[in-house]
Protein backbone atom coordinates (compact mmCIF):
# COMPACT_ATOMS: atom_id res chain seq x y z
CA MET A 1 6.58 45.74 4.44
CA SER A 2 9.38 43.27 4.41
CA ALA A 3 11.88 41.77 6.86
CA PRO A 4 15.45 40.93 6.10
CA GLY A 5 15.15 37.54 3.67
CA GLY A 6 12.17 39.03 2.17
CA VAL A 7 9.26 37.54 4.70
CA SER A 8 6.27 39.71 4.47
CA VAL A 9 5.50 41.21 7.57
CA PRO A 10 1.99 43.20 8.67
CA GLU A 11 2.00 47.15 9.43
CA PRO A 12 0.94 47.59 13.14
CA GLY A 13 -2.60 46.78 13.57
CA GLU A 14 -2.86 45.10 10.27
CA GLU A 15 -3.65 41.21 10.34
CA SER A 16 -2.04 39.06 7.90
CA ALA A 17 -3.89 36.53 6.10
CA ASP A 18 -1.34 33.91 7.20
CA SER A 19 -2.08 35.04 10.55
CA ALA A 20 -5.09 33.02 10.67
CA PRO A 21 -5.15 29.32 12.16
CA ARG A 22 -4.18 26.43 9.75
CA LEU A 23 -4.79 23.24 9.99
CA TRP A 24 -1.72 20.79 8.48
CA ALA A 25 -2.05 16.79 8.31
CA ILE A 26 1.10 14.58 7.92
CA VAL A 27 0.45 11.51 6.83
CA GLY A 28 1.60 8.07 5.30
CA ALA A 29 2.89 4.75 5.81
CA THR A 30 3.46 3.33 8.95
CA GLY A 31 7.28 3.82 9.82
CA THR A 32 7.69 6.73 7.39
CA GLY A 33 8.71 9.62 10.62
CA LYS A 34 5.21 11.36 11.06
CA SER A 35 5.49 12.05 14.60
CA ASP A 36 9.02 13.28 14.23
CA LEU A 37 8.10 15.45 11.68
CA SER A 38 4.79 16.35 13.30
CA LEU A 39 7.20 17.58 16.03
CA ASP A 40 9.88 19.26 13.72
CA LEU A 41 7.03 21.25 12.12
CA ALA A 42 5.32 22.59 15.65
CA HIS A 43 8.79 24.10 16.47
CA ALA A 44 9.50 25.33 12.72
CA LEU A 45 6.09 27.16 13.41
CA GLU A 46 6.77 28.45 16.56
CA ALA A 47 9.90 29.85 15.42
CA ARG A 48 7.87 32.10 13.22
CA GLY A 49 5.68 33.28 16.25
CA ARG A 50 2.99 30.55 15.37
CA ARG A 51 1.72 27.91 17.95
CA ALA A 52 0.73 24.77 17.13
CA GLU A 53 -0.37 21.36 18.74
CA ILE A 54 -0.82 17.95 17.53
CA VAL A 55 -4.15 15.95 16.96
CA ASN A 56 -3.72 12.06 16.80
CA ALA A 57 -5.39 10.15 13.62
CA ASP A 58 -3.75 6.49 13.99
CA ALA A 59 -6.69 4.25 15.48
CA MET A 60 -4.78 2.03 17.72
CA GLN A 61 -3.03 5.09 19.54
CA LEU A 62 -6.57 6.25 20.90
CA TYR A 63 -6.22 3.35 22.87
CA ARG A 64 -4.52 3.82 26.75
CA GLY A 65 -1.75 1.15 27.40
CA MET A 66 -1.10 0.60 23.18
CA ASP A 67 2.33 1.55 23.20
CA ILE A 68 4.66 -0.32 21.99
CA GLY A 69 3.05 -1.89 19.08
CA THR A 70 1.88 1.21 18.21
CA ALA A 71 5.30 3.42 18.46
CA LYS A 72 3.48 6.16 20.29
CA LEU A 73 5.92 8.72 21.39
CA PRO A 74 6.06 9.45 24.86
CA VAL A 75 5.03 11.97 26.94
CA SER A 76 8.91 13.03 27.94
CA GLU A 77 9.51 12.88 24.45
CA ARG A 78 6.85 15.23 23.10
CA ARG A 79 8.74 18.40 23.74
CA GLY A 80 6.14 19.67 25.24
CA ILE A 81 3.68 20.08 22.47
CA PRO A 82 0.30 19.76 23.61
CA HIS A 83 -0.78 16.25 22.25
CA HIS A 84 -4.74 15.34 21.70
CA LEU A 85 -6.53 12.20 21.60
CA PHE A 86 -3.68 9.83 22.60
CA ASP A 87 -4.66 6.84 25.68
CA VAL A 88 -8.63 8.16 25.38
CA LEU A 89 -9.84 4.64 24.78
CA GLU A 90 -9.19 1.32 27.10
CA VAL A 91 -8.89 -1.72 25.47
CA THR A 92 -12.00 -2.83 25.60
CA GLU A 93 -14.13 -0.36 23.58
CA ASP A 94 -14.28 -0.01 19.90
CA ALA A 95 -12.45 2.57 18.31
CA ALA A 96 -15.15 3.62 15.37
CA VAL A 97 -14.75 6.26 12.62
CA ALA A 98 -17.78 7.69 13.56
CA TRP A 99 -16.69 8.01 16.94
CA TYR A 100 -13.75 9.35 16.49
CA GLN A 101 -14.91 12.14 13.97
CA PRO A 102 -16.63 14.41 16.08
CA HIS A 103 -14.06 14.41 19.08
CA ALA A 104 -10.69 15.20 16.59
CA ARG A 105 -13.06 17.87 14.52
CA SER A 106 -13.68 19.53 18.39
CA ALA A 107 -10.40 19.14 19.48
CA ILE A 108 -9.06 21.21 16.03
CA GLU A 109 -11.85 23.64 16.67
CA GLN A 110 -11.05 24.14 20.00
CA ILE A 111 -7.05 24.66 19.33
CA HIS A 112 -8.14 27.73 16.22
CA SER A 113 -9.81 29.05 18.70
CA GLY A 114 -7.41 29.61 20.91
CA GLY A 115 -5.11 30.81 17.96
CA ALA A 116 -2.81 27.93 17.47
CA ASP A 117 -2.52 25.70 13.90
CA ALA A 118 -3.67 22.01 14.33
CA ILE A 119 -1.94 19.48 13.19
CA LEU A 120 -3.32 16.08 12.65
CA VAL A 121 -0.72 13.08 12.79
CA GLY A 122 -1.42 9.64 11.70
CA GLY A 123 -1.66 6.53 9.13
CA SER A 124 -5.15 5.70 9.17
CA GLY A 125 -6.77 6.57 5.73
CA LEU A 126 -10.40 6.56 6.68
CA TYR A 127 -9.59 8.36 10.36
CA VAL A 128 -7.90 11.02 8.54
CA SER A 129 -10.02 11.75 5.65
CA SER A 130 -13.22 11.68 8.22
CA VAL A 131 -11.13 15.21 9.39
CA LEU A 132 -10.08 16.69 6.32
CA TYR A 133 -13.02 16.36 4.23
CA ASP A 134 -16.75 16.21 4.23
CA PHE A 135 -17.91 12.80 5.39
CA ARG A 136 -20.88 11.81 6.68
CA PHE A 137 -21.70 8.52 8.27
CA PRO A 138 -24.92 6.11 8.46
CA PRO A 139 -26.57 5.60 11.55
CA ARG A 140 -25.15 2.99 14.06
CA ASP A 141 -27.37 -0.22 15.13
CA ASP A 142 -25.67 -1.92 18.18
CA ALA A 143 -27.78 -4.61 18.18
CA LEU A 144 -27.11 -5.78 15.08
CA ARG A 145 -23.30 -5.04 15.13
CA ALA A 146 -23.22 -7.19 17.91
CA ARG A 147 -25.03 -10.13 16.14
CA LEU A 148 -22.94 -9.56 13.03
CA GLU A 149 -19.58 -9.70 15.58
CA ALA A 150 -20.24 -12.79 17.16
CA GLU A 151 -20.92 -14.30 13.64
CA LEU A 152 -17.33 -12.81 13.03
CA ASP A 153 -16.08 -14.59 16.12
CA GLN A 154 -17.52 -17.59 15.17
CA ASP A 155 -16.92 -18.13 11.83
CA GLY A 156 -14.22 -15.64 10.88
CA PRO A 157 -14.77 -13.20 7.56
CA GLY A 158 -15.41 -15.30 4.97
CA PRO A 159 -19.31 -16.04 4.92
CA LEU A 160 -19.98 -12.34 6.16
CA LEU A 161 -18.10 -11.10 3.22
CA ALA A 162 -19.97 -13.72 0.68
CA ARG A 163 -23.14 -12.31 2.17
CA LEU A 164 -21.41 -8.76 1.38
CA GLN A 165 -20.77 -9.63 -2.08
CA GLN A 166 -24.50 -10.61 -3.03
CA GLN A 167 -25.99 -7.71 -1.35
CA ASP A 168 -23.65 -5.31 -2.71
CA PRO A 169 -20.79 -6.26 -4.43
CA ALA A 170 -19.19 -2.52 -5.22
CA THR A 171 -18.52 -2.05 -1.52
CA ALA A 172 -17.08 -5.64 -1.16
CA ALA A 173 -14.81 -5.42 -3.62
CA ARG A 174 -13.54 -1.95 -1.99
CA VAL A 175 -12.98 -3.79 1.51
CA ASP A 176 -10.16 -5.72 2.83
CA PRO A 177 -11.36 -9.36 2.39
CA LYS A 178 -9.03 -10.07 5.84
CA ASN A 179 -10.66 -6.98 7.61
CA GLY A 180 -13.90 -8.10 9.66
CA ARG A 181 -14.87 -5.09 11.02
CA ARG A 182 -15.11 -3.20 7.46
CA ILE A 183 -17.17 -6.04 6.63
CA VAL A 184 -19.16 -5.75 9.47
CA ARG A 185 -20.16 -2.31 9.27
CA ALA A 186 -20.53 -2.61 5.69
CA LEU A 187 -23.62 -5.26 6.56
CA GLU A 188 -24.63 -3.32 9.34
CA VAL A 189 -25.12 0.21 6.93
CA LEU A 190 -26.52 -2.25 4.24
CA ALA A 191 -29.42 -3.73 6.61
CA GLN A 192 -30.50 0.20 7.35
CA GLY A 193 -31.08 1.05 3.56
CA GLU A 194 -28.20 2.61 3.22
CA ARG A 195 -25.87 1.78 0.02
CA ASN A 196 -22.45 3.12 1.18
CA HIS A 197 -20.37 1.95 4.30
CA GLY A 198 -18.17 4.65 4.28
CA ALA A 199 -14.87 2.96 4.01
CA ALA A 200 -13.82 4.85 0.57
CA LEU A 201 -13.13 8.75 -0.10
CA PRO A 202 -15.91 10.21 -1.97
CA GLU A 203 -15.54 10.94 -5.79
CA GLN A 204 -14.84 14.34 -5.43
CA PRO A 205 -13.77 15.16 -1.89
CA LEU A 206 -13.78 18.68 -0.65
CA LEU A 207 -12.12 20.22 2.23
CA TRP A 208 -13.19 20.71 5.93
CA ARG A 209 -11.57 24.07 6.61
CA PRO A 210 -10.07 25.85 3.39
CA ARG A 211 -6.25 26.60 4.88
CA THR A 212 -5.94 22.81 5.06
CA ARG A 213 -1.88 21.88 3.57
CA VAL A 214 -1.05 17.88 3.72
CA LEU A 215 2.49 16.65 3.83
CA ALA A 216 2.85 13.00 2.76
CA LEU A 217 5.69 11.17 4.11
CA GLY A 218 7.09 8.45 1.32
CA VAL A 219 9.80 5.81 1.08
CA GLU A 220 10.67 3.29 -1.77
CA ARG A 221 8.96 0.32 -1.30
CA ALA A 222 12.53 -1.67 -0.61
CA SER A 223 13.77 0.72 2.01
CA LEU A 224 10.28 0.56 3.50
CA VAL A 225 9.90 -3.03 3.55
CA GLU A 226 13.18 -3.42 5.51
CA ARG A 227 12.44 -0.62 8.16
CA LEU A 228 9.28 -1.94 8.91
CA ASP A 229 10.13 -5.89 9.34
CA ARG A 230 12.94 -4.20 11.69
CA ARG A 231 10.61 -2.23 13.36
CA VAL A 232 8.62 -5.68 14.27
CA GLU A 233 12.28 -7.05 15.57
CA ARG A 234 12.04 -4.28 18.07
CA MET A 235 8.68 -4.24 18.99
CA TRP A 236 9.45 -7.81 20.76
CA GLU A 237 12.82 -6.70 21.73
CA GLN A 238 11.19 -3.66 23.48
CA GLY A 239 8.63 -5.82 25.28
CA MET A 240 5.86 -6.29 23.09
CA LEU A 241 5.25 -9.78 25.41
CA ASP A 242 5.14 -7.94 28.27
CA GLU A 243 2.60 -5.19 27.16
CA VAL A 244 0.26 -7.41 25.72
CA GLU A 245 0.21 -9.75 28.58
CA ARG A 246 -0.18 -6.35 31.22
CA LEU A 247 -3.50 -5.59 28.49
CA ARG A 248 -4.86 -8.80 28.81
CA GLY A 249 -5.46 -8.03 32.74
CA ASP A 250 -6.92 -5.07 31.06
CA GLY A 251 -9.44 -6.79 29.06
CA LEU A 252 -7.63 -7.06 25.88
CA GLU A 253 -9.42 -10.24 24.58
CA GLN A 254 -12.98 -9.04 25.32
CA GLY A 255 -12.42 -5.81 23.02
CA THR A 256 -13.61 -5.99 19.73
CA THR A 257 -11.07 -3.85 17.89
CA ALA A 258 -7.88 -3.29 19.88
CA ARG A 259 -7.50 -7.48 20.19
CA ARG A 260 -7.38 -7.67 16.33
CA ALA A 261 -4.32 -4.75 15.90
CA ILE A 262 -1.79 -5.85 13.63
CA GLY A 263 0.81 -7.49 16.53
CA TYR A 264 -1.20 -7.50 19.38
CA ALA A 265 -3.12 -10.14 17.80
CA GLN A 266 -0.06 -11.88 16.84
CA ALA A 267 1.79 -11.20 20.43
CA LEU A 268 -2.02 -12.95 21.92
CA ALA A 269 -1.76 -16.21 19.89
CA GLN A 270 1.95 -16.32 21.09
CA LEU A 271 1.10 -15.98 24.72
CA THR A 272 -1.37 -18.61 24.63
CA GLY A 273 0.83 -21.21 22.47
CA VAL A 274 -1.15 -20.78 18.81
CA LEU A 275 2.16 -19.51 17.37
CA THR A 276 5.66 -19.70 18.22
CA GLN A 277 7.72 -16.25 18.43
CA ASP A 278 9.18 -16.70 15.48
CA GLU A 279 5.87 -17.27 13.25
CA ALA A 280 4.07 -14.18 15.79
CA ILE A 281 6.84 -11.94 14.17
CA ALA A 282 6.75 -13.31 10.78
CA GLU A 283 3.11 -12.75 10.38
CA THR A 284 3.22 -9.42 11.50
CA GLN A 285 6.16 -8.15 9.64
CA ALA A 286 3.64 -9.66 6.46
CA LEU A 287 0.33 -7.84 7.39
CA THR A 288 2.55 -4.76 8.27
CA ARG A 289 4.01 -4.63 4.93
CA ARG A 290 0.54 -5.15 3.41
CA TYR A 291 -1.18 -2.69 5.76
CA ALA A 292 1.41 -0.26 4.51
CA ARG A 293 1.03 -0.69 0.61
CA ARG A 294 -2.64 -0.19 1.35
CA GLN A 295 -1.83 3.07 3.46
CA VAL A 296 0.18 4.36 0.23
CA SER A 297 -2.57 3.65 -1.90
CA TRP A 298 -5.27 5.41 0.17
CA PHE A 299 -3.03 8.82 0.54
CA ARG A 300 -1.79 9.13 -3.09
CA ARG A 301 -5.53 9.45 -4.03
CA TYR A 302 -5.33 13.22 -1.89
CA ALA A 303 -5.35 15.75 -4.78
CA GLU A 304 -3.71 18.42 -2.05
CA ALA A 305 -0.82 16.25 -0.83
CA GLU A 306 2.44 17.13 -0.66
CA TRP A 307 5.16 14.26 -1.05
CA VAL A 308 8.37 14.36 0.83
CA ASP A 309 10.70 11.45 0.69
CA ALA A 310 11.05 10.23 4.45
CA LEU A 311 14.89 9.32 3.64
CA ALA A 312 15.89 12.67 2.48
CA PRO A 313 16.79 16.10 5.02
CA ILE A 314 13.22 17.45 4.87
CA GLY A 315 13.40 21.32 4.74
CA VAL A 316 10.68 22.09 6.95
CA GLN A 317 11.04 25.80 7.68
CA ALA A 318 10.83 26.44 4.40
CA ILE A 319 7.62 24.18 4.12
CA VAL A 320 6.77 26.68 6.83
CA GLU A 321 7.61 29.33 5.10
CA GLU A 322 5.28 28.67 1.85
CA ARG A 323 1.73 30.03 1.54
CA ALA A 324 -0.82 27.76 1.99
């Protein structure tokens, strides 16, 4: 039968196919409003009698205390919606996608088992893909990785990238030459006899969950650049240096992942006198723009993505009413 407005309603005792829990993903470049959309989506679902909980897919928002530089939504602004996988790592710990994937999928399975939809939110492309698609990761060798990371700290990514180019040119061509951790992981995998270090989508990715919808937020490039540059300036205005100084007390400089995060590395350099504030901000802006460009390229490959103009009014209710 139908309710007013043409919305289909199941007969008493009849379970609607649309009532089964769904996985949503909200993706896009940094600064496009993913967190706000996730909250709006959760409330739109609630208005239709569906509960929803949010799962983080931003690698740096996994870290406790990394708030300003990651634009992490404060607990007081989460509108009472349960959030998962925020503030679960210390800055001294390694954020790795092979660790993240089972934790995120476990959180989603628990949400679904409680009858709620799960909303995966973030811009870390590999982290998102590891959940949405049938990714499998090669084993890890902690001792080998430690040696490679020591080389990275001493000599930078250049020599390691040259080694990777000799051993596996195809993988080397896919890796960001400035991303030392990706280069280290590729060499670690190759040393164990594997050929693919896991930093690319499969040729024909298969969705992990059949009832999945992917909403991708897009912004025209010039407008996005302006938003990102201003966002970085606000980070410093809101106390980025104070946040990083506190994190130094928690061991930020001893970590292998957190200390290299965009903005945090530059703030550390300012605190130690390597960069002036103007230089730190300018470098962070340039790296953020480059990162956003890579994010857009990554998510453009998602065949399932429904692209939404982040600067236009978003009809969340209409999105919810559509069938998956």
